[in-house]
Amino acid sequence: MPESKSRKKPVKVKAPQVKKPDTGNPRWLVPTMLSLMLLGLAWIVIFYLTSSGLGLPIPAIHQWNLAIGFALIIAGFVLTTRWK
């Protein structure tokens, strides 16, 4: 009895995998992120400590100093989304 021909499986050609370089964080990211958060915290603390007399950091805008402080803190947290 003749032997059956074996079926040849198609040869899979694998393309070479190109790895993306792991660049990490930009050098400015972490210092800027921490600086913004600490500056916002310092802004709010200075406002609360001096609100009775001096009204620092900017006396003319009164309670908007809180908004500036929180905006700085939020900007720092927004930068944390880029942190790898």
Protein backbone atom coordinates (compact mmCIF):
# COMPACT_ATOMS: atom_id res chain seq x y z
CA MET A 1 0.00 0.00 0.00
CA PRO A 2 1.43 3.40 -0.96
CA GLU A 3 2.16 5.88 1.79
CA SER A 4 0.16 9.06 1.83
CA LYS A 5 1.97 12.28 1.31
CA SER A 6 2.37 14.23 4.49
CA ARG A 7 0.80 17.62 4.49
CA LYS A 8 3.23 20.44 4.66
CA LYS A 9 2.35 23.11 7.15
CA PRO A 10 2.85 26.64 5.96
CA VAL A 11 5.98 28.19 7.35
CA LYS A 12 5.25 31.15 9.57
CA VAL A 13 7.58 34.03 9.00
CA LYS A 14 8.08 36.05 12.14
CA ALA A 15 8.92 39.66 11.72
CA PRO A 16 11.58 40.86 14.10
CA GLN A 17 10.03 42.56 17.08
CA VAL A 18 11.06 46.13 17.49
CA LYS A 19 11.11 47.20 21.10
CA LYS A 20 10.28 50.75 21.93
CA PRO A 21 13.01 52.36 23.93
CA ASP A 22 12.02 52.83 27.53
CA THR A 23 12.68 56.51 27.89
CA GLY A 24 11.34 56.96 31.40
CA ASN A 25 10.52 60.36 32.78
CA PRO A 26 11.76 63.65 31.41
CA ARG A 27 14.31 65.15 33.77
CA TRP A 28 12.12 68.18 34.51
CA LEU A 29 8.96 66.26 35.43
CA VAL A 30 9.52 65.21 39.04
CA PRO A 31 11.12 68.47 40.24
CA THR A 32 8.40 70.54 38.56
CA MET A 33 5.64 68.32 39.93
CA LEU A 34 6.95 68.48 43.49
CA SER A 35 7.69 72.19 43.25
CA LEU A 36 4.15 73.01 42.12
CA MET A 37 2.57 70.97 44.89
CA LEU A 38 4.85 72.42 47.58
CA LEU A 39 4.43 75.97 46.27
CA GLY A 40 0.64 75.57 46.35
CA LEU A 41 0.78 74.25 49.89
CA ALA A 42 3.08 77.08 50.99
CA TRP A 43 0.77 79.63 49.31
CA ILE A 44 -2.25 78.38 51.25
CA VAL A 45 -0.35 78.14 54.56
CA ILE A 46 1.05 81.67 54.18
CA PHE A 47 -2.42 82.97 53.35
CA TYR A 48 -3.95 81.39 56.45
CA LEU A 49 -1.15 82.49 58.76
CA THR A 50 -1.21 86.11 57.57
CA SER A 51 -4.90 86.56 56.68
CA SER A 52 -5.72 88.36 59.94
CA GLY A 53 -3.20 91.16 59.49
CA LEU A 54 -1.05 91.24 56.39
CA GLY A 55 -3.20 89.29 53.96
CA LEU A 56 -0.19 87.86 52.15
CA PRO A 57 0.67 86.53 49.54
CA ILE A 58 -1.46 88.96 47.45
CA PRO A 59 -3.60 91.13 49.76
CA ALA A 60 -5.78 92.64 47.02
CA ILE A 61 -7.39 89.38 45.94
CA HIS A 62 -8.38 88.16 49.43
CA GLN A 63 -9.95 84.67 49.27
CA TRP A 64 -8.80 84.08 45.69
CA ASN A 65 -5.42 83.27 47.21
CA LEU A 66 -6.94 79.89 48.11
CA ALA A 67 -7.89 79.31 44.49
CA ILE A 68 -4.34 80.09 43.37
CA GLY A 69 -2.91 77.69 45.95
CA PHE A 70 -5.27 74.89 44.97
CA ALA A 71 -4.64 75.54 41.26
CA LEU A 72 -0.91 75.08 41.85
CA ILE A 73 -1.53 71.85 43.75
CA ILE A 74 -3.86 70.54 41.02
CA ALA A 75 -1.28 71.40 38.35
CA GLY A 76 1.23 69.29 40.28
CA PHE A 77 -1.19 66.39 40.43
CA VAL A 78 -1.90 66.70 36.71
CA LEU A 79 1.81 66.23 36.09
CA THR A 80 1.72 63.00 38.11
CA THR A 81 -0.32 61.43 35.29
CA ARG A 82 2.78 61.66 33.06
CA TRP A 83 5.00 59.93 35.62
CA LYS A 84 6.15 56.47 34.51
